[in-house]
Amino acid sequence: MWARHRSQILERVVVLEAAASAVTRKNLTAPECAAAQAAAHKLAGTLGMFNLAAGTEIARELELAYSQKSAPPAASGRHLASLAAKLRTMVENRKSDS
């Protein structure tokens, strides 16, 4: 089951990485912010299904960051990028179901 969902999960991580980069550059658009919030929300649920509780917690933190009325401050870009990188590492290092 993991193998079927892995590429979609990684696509959502890419959305989060792009959003964090845009935050750092101070040019995150409203649609990008909404996409990041949605990607994080979906990841929070999906990662839990695959016993990646730490990933769920990280995704929830990202969801909260992107669900505020205004874009996250540029100073938080590095932290958001670090969280997205942690998610990527978890996903890439998870072994497929046998």
C-alpha atoms as a PDB file:
ATOM      1  CA  MET A   1       0.000   0.000   0.000  1.00  0.00           C
ATOM      2  CA  TRP A   2       2.873   2.374   0.767  1.00  0.00           C
ATOM      3  CA  ALA A   3       4.243   1.999  -2.751  1.00  0.00           C
ATOM      4  CA  ARG A   4       0.931   3.173  -4.229  1.00  0.00           C
ATOM      5  CA  HIS A   5       0.810   6.310  -2.072  1.00  0.00           C
ATOM      6  CA  ARG A   6       4.492   7.229  -1.894  1.00  0.00           C
ATOM      7  CA  SER A   7       4.618   9.380  -5.044  1.00  0.00           C
ATOM      8  CA  GLN A   8       1.531  11.356  -4.036  1.00  0.00           C
ATOM      9  CA  ILE A   9       2.980  11.879  -0.560  1.00  0.00           C
ATOM     10  CA  LEU A  10       6.232  13.143  -2.070  1.00  0.00           C
ATOM     11  CA  GLU A  11       4.265  15.523  -4.332  1.00  0.00           C
ATOM     12  CA  ARG A  12       2.707  17.032  -1.224  1.00  0.00           C
ATOM     13  CA  VAL A  13       6.137  17.394   0.354  1.00  0.00           C
ATOM     14  CA  VAL A  14       7.285  19.245  -2.780  1.00  0.00           C
ATOM     15  CA  VAL A  15       4.385  21.692  -2.306  1.00  0.00           C
ATOM     16  CA  LEU A  16       5.549  22.310   1.274  1.00  0.00           C
ATOM     17  CA  GLU A  17       9.164  22.774   0.193  1.00  0.00           C
ATOM     18  CA  ALA A  18       8.136  25.290  -2.459  1.00  0.00           C
ATOM     19  CA  ALA A  19       5.958  27.185   0.007  1.00  0.00           C
ATOM     20  CA  ALA A  20       8.782  27.405   2.545  1.00  0.00           C
ATOM     21  CA  SER A  21      11.086  28.747  -0.156  1.00  0.00           C
ATOM     22  CA  ALA A  22       8.481  31.349  -1.128  1.00  0.00           C
ATOM     23  CA  VAL A  23       8.092  32.357   2.530  1.00  0.00           C
ATOM     24  CA  THR A  24      11.834  32.961   2.759  1.00  0.00           C
ATOM     25  CA  ARG A  25      11.735  35.065  -0.427  1.00  0.00           C
ATOM     26  CA  LYS A  26       8.699  36.971   0.936  1.00  0.00           C
ATOM     27  CA  ASN A  27       6.598  36.115  -2.110  1.00  0.00           C
ATOM     28  CA  LEU A  28       4.225  33.375  -0.963  1.00  0.00           C
ATOM     29  CA  THR A  29       0.930  33.884  -2.796  1.00  0.00           C
ATOM     30  CA  ALA A  30      -2.466  33.180  -1.285  1.00  0.00           C
ATOM     31  CA  PRO A  31      -3.018  30.175  -3.602  1.00  0.00           C
ATOM     32  CA  GLU A  32       0.415  28.754  -2.676  1.00  0.00           C
ATOM     33  CA  CYS A  33      -0.356  29.219   1.004  1.00  0.00           C
ATOM     34  CA  ALA A  34      -3.713  27.459   0.599  1.00  0.00           C
ATOM     35  CA  ALA A  35      -2.047  24.634  -1.332  1.00  0.00           C
ATOM     36  CA  ALA A  36       0.570  24.232   1.402  1.00  0.00           C
ATOM     37  CA  GLN A  37      -2.106  24.163   4.094  1.00  0.00           C
ATOM     38  CA  ALA A  38      -4.075  21.534   2.160  1.00  0.00           C
ATOM     39  CA  ALA A  39      -0.970  19.438   1.473  1.00  0.00           C
ATOM     40  CA  ALA A  40       0.019  19.520   5.137  1.00  0.00           C
ATOM     41  CA  HIS A  41      -3.513  18.607   6.215  1.00  0.00           C
ATOM     42  CA  LYS A  42      -3.598  15.608   3.876  1.00  0.00           C
ATOM     43  CA  LEU A  43      -0.130  14.518   4.960  1.00  0.00           C
ATOM     44  CA  ALA A  44      -1.106  14.663   8.628  1.00  0.00           C
ATOM     45  CA  GLY A  45      -3.785  12.049   8.004  1.00  0.00           C
ATOM     46  CA  THR A  46      -1.943   9.938   5.478  1.00  0.00           C
ATOM     47  CA  LEU A  47       1.310   9.637   7.412  1.00  0.00           C
ATOM     48  CA  GLY A  48      -0.599   8.473  10.459  1.00  0.00           C
ATOM     49  CA  MET A  49      -2.068   5.620   8.411  1.00  0.00           C
ATOM     50  CA  PHE A  50       1.488   4.468   7.719  1.00  0.00           C
ATOM     51  CA  ASN A  51       2.636   4.615  11.349  1.00  0.00           C
ATOM     52  CA  LEU A  52       4.662   7.790  10.874  1.00  0.00           C
ATOM     53  CA  ALA A  53       3.381   9.587  13.952  1.00  0.00           C
ATOM     54  CA  ALA A  54       6.331  12.003  13.988  1.00  0.00           C
ATOM     55  CA  GLY A  55       5.483  12.911  10.398  1.00  0.00           C
ATOM     56  CA  THR A  56       1.884  13.552  11.383  1.00  0.00           C
ATOM     57  CA  GLU A  57       3.019  15.961  14.097  1.00  0.00           C
ATOM     58  CA  ILE A  58       5.315  17.816  11.708  1.00  0.00           C
ATOM     59  CA  ALA A  59       2.552  18.028   9.103  1.00  0.00           C
ATOM     60  CA  ARG A  60       0.171  19.426  11.722  1.00  0.00           C
ATOM     61  CA  GLU A  61       2.707  22.113  12.637  1.00  0.00           C
ATOM     62  CA  LEU A  62       3.028  23.035   8.963  1.00  0.00           C
ATOM     63  CA  GLU A  63      -0.741  23.034   8.527  1.00  0.00           C
ATOM     64  CA  LEU A  64      -1.079  25.472  11.403  1.00  0.00           C
ATOM     65  CA  ALA A  65       1.641  27.732  10.008  1.00  0.00           C
ATOM     66  CA  TYR A  66      -0.082  27.982   6.642  1.00  0.00           C
ATOM     67  CA  SER A  67      -3.616  28.315   8.010  1.00  0.00           C
ATOM     68  CA  GLN A  68      -3.127  31.748   9.569  1.00  0.00           C
ATOM     69  CA  LYS A  69      -4.838  34.822   8.089  1.00  0.00           C
ATOM     70  CA  SER A  70      -1.537  36.131   6.776  1.00  0.00           C
ATOM     71  CA  ALA A  71       1.441  34.358   5.264  1.00  0.00           C
ATOM     72  CA  PRO A  72       4.074  33.082   7.684  1.00  0.00           C
ATOM     73  CA  PRO A  73       6.786  35.660   8.353  1.00  0.00           C
ATOM     74  CA  ALA A  74       9.928  35.442   6.215  1.00  0.00           C
ATOM     75  CA  ALA A  75      11.951  34.695   9.344  1.00  0.00           C
ATOM     76  CA  SER A  76      10.085  31.397   9.700  1.00  0.00           C
ATOM     77  CA  GLY A  77      11.021  30.234   6.199  1.00  0.00           C
ATOM     78  CA  ARG A  78      14.129  28.372   7.315  1.00  0.00           C
ATOM     79  CA  HIS A  79      12.180  26.551  10.044  1.00  0.00           C
ATOM     80  CA  LEU A  80       9.380  25.640   7.623  1.00  0.00           C
ATOM     81  CA  ALA A  81      11.963  24.371   5.126  1.00  0.00           C
ATOM     82  CA  SER A  82      13.569  22.283   7.863  1.00  0.00           C
ATOM     83  CA  LEU A  83      10.223  20.704   8.728  1.00  0.00           C
ATOM     84  CA  ALA A  84       9.525  19.920   5.073  1.00  0.00           C
ATOM     85  CA  ALA A  85      13.015  18.396   4.772  1.00  0.00           C
ATOM     86  CA  LYS A  86      12.303  16.175   7.783  1.00  0.00           C
ATOM     87  CA  LEU A  87       9.119  14.961   6.122  1.00  0.00           C
ATOM     88  CA  ARG A  88      11.021  14.211   2.911  1.00  0.00           C
ATOM     89  CA  THR A  89      13.599  12.202   4.834  1.00  0.00           C
ATOM     90  CA  MET A  90      10.912  10.201   6.636  1.00  0.00           C
ATOM     91  CA  VAL A  91       9.110   9.412   3.410  1.00  0.00           C
ATOM     92  CA  GLU A  92      12.235   8.559   1.451  1.00  0.00           C
ATOM     93  CA  ASN A  93      13.600   6.338   4.230  1.00  0.00           C
ATOM     94  CA  ARG A  94      10.393   4.424   4.927  1.00  0.00           C
ATOM     95  CA  LYS A  95      10.563   0.858   3.735  1.00  0.00           C
ATOM     96  CA  SER A  96       7.872  -0.443   1.417  1.00  0.00           C
ATOM     97  CA  ASP A  97       5.324  -2.899   2.708  1.00  0.00           C
ATOM     98  CA  SER A  98       6.230  -6.450   1.918  1.00  0.00           C
END
